[in-house]
Amino acid sequence: MLKTLKSDPELDGFGFIEELRRRDEWSKIPVVVLTAKDISSDDRSRLEGFTSAVPVKKGQSPDALIREMRDLIQQATGPGVSA
């Protein structure tokens, strides 16, 4: 089913996340949206509640970005899981 979602040319990232959250078996999967573009307040509102985080890589050093992603993975998976 995920393959069907990925291959739909009409489905953008927002639609993909919305569809992911509609399915009970996928509703708890943590989602992190990483983007280099500035997200509008409308886009951020659309993502709120559907994603675990929306870090923006613009202006961050690679090391800072890696630390942030590791922290998010640990938050999503719990203590004791190494990223």
Protein backbone atom coordinates (compact mmCIF):
# COMPACT_ATOMS: atom_id res chain seq x y z
CA MET A 1 0.00 0.00 0.00
CA LEU A 2 2.86 2.37 0.75
CA LYS A 3 4.12 1.73 -2.79
CA THR A 4 0.76 2.94 -4.11
CA LEU A 5 1.07 6.15 -2.10
CA LYS A 6 4.63 6.77 -3.32
CA SER A 7 3.76 6.19 -6.98
CA ASP A 8 0.75 8.54 -7.09
CA PRO A 9 1.86 11.52 -9.22
CA GLU A 10 -0.97 13.68 -7.83
CA LEU A 11 0.09 13.16 -4.21
CA ASP A 12 2.45 15.74 -2.71
CA GLY A 13 4.22 15.47 0.65
CA PHE A 14 1.28 16.99 2.50
CA GLY A 15 -1.14 14.51 0.96
CA PHE A 16 1.22 11.64 1.73
CA ILE A 17 1.38 12.57 5.42
CA GLU A 18 -2.40 13.05 5.61
CA GLU A 19 -2.97 9.64 4.03
CA LEU A 20 -0.39 8.06 6.34
CA ARG A 21 -2.27 9.40 9.36
CA ARG A 22 -5.64 8.16 8.08
CA ARG A 23 -4.53 4.54 8.27
CA ASP A 24 -4.68 3.06 11.77
CA GLU A 25 -1.70 0.76 11.20
CA TRP A 26 0.50 3.72 10.18
CA SER A 27 -0.94 6.46 12.39
CA LYS A 28 1.76 6.20 15.08
CA ILE A 29 4.78 6.30 12.75
CA PRO A 30 6.88 9.34 13.70
CA VAL A 31 7.32 11.76 10.80
CA VAL A 32 10.04 14.39 10.59
CA VAL A 33 9.91 16.82 7.69
CA LEU A 34 13.35 18.21 6.89
CA THR A 35 13.40 21.08 4.47
CA ALA A 36 15.76 23.72 3.15
CA LYS A 37 12.94 26.03 2.12
CA ASP A 38 11.11 28.51 4.28
CA ILE A 39 7.77 27.06 5.30
CA SER A 40 4.81 29.41 5.25
CA SER A 41 2.60 29.68 8.30
CA ASP A 42 -0.15 27.94 6.29
CA ASP A 43 2.17 25.02 5.47
CA ARG A 44 3.33 24.81 9.09
CA SER A 45 -0.32 24.75 10.24
CA ARG A 46 -1.05 21.95 7.77
CA LEU A 47 1.81 19.90 9.19
CA GLU A 48 0.97 20.55 12.84
CA GLY A 49 -0.43 17.45 14.45
CA PHE A 50 0.73 15.24 11.59
CA THR A 51 4.48 15.43 12.20
CA SER A 52 6.84 14.98 15.12
CA ALA A 53 8.98 17.93 14.02
CA VAL A 54 9.73 20.25 11.13
CA PRO A 55 13.39 21.28 11.46
CA VAL A 56 14.71 23.69 8.86
CA LYS A 57 18.25 22.97 7.76
CA LYS A 58 18.82 26.47 6.41
CA GLY A 59 21.40 28.21 8.57
CA GLN A 60 22.33 25.12 10.60
CA SER A 61 25.74 23.54 10.49
CA PRO A 62 25.80 19.89 9.43
CA ASP A 63 26.83 18.88 12.98
CA ALA A 64 23.93 20.81 14.54
CA LEU A 65 21.51 19.26 12.08
CA ILE A 66 22.80 15.75 12.83
CA ARG A 67 22.45 16.38 16.59
CA GLU A 68 18.88 17.61 16.12
CA MET A 69 17.96 14.59 14.00
CA ARG A 70 19.51 12.19 16.57
CA ASP A 71 17.54 13.90 19.34
CA LEU A 72 14.31 13.57 17.36
CA ILE A 73 14.96 9.89 16.64
CA GLN A 74 15.65 9.21 20.32
CA GLN A 75 12.48 11.05 21.33
CA ALA A 76 10.47 8.96 18.87
CA THR A 77 12.00 5.60 19.74
CA GLY A 78 12.61 5.98 23.45
CA PRO A 79 15.70 5.67 25.60
CA GLY A 80 18.33 3.08 24.84
CA VAL A 81 17.89 3.17 21.07
CA SER A 82 20.94 4.40 19.21
CA ALA A 83 20.59 6.51 16.09
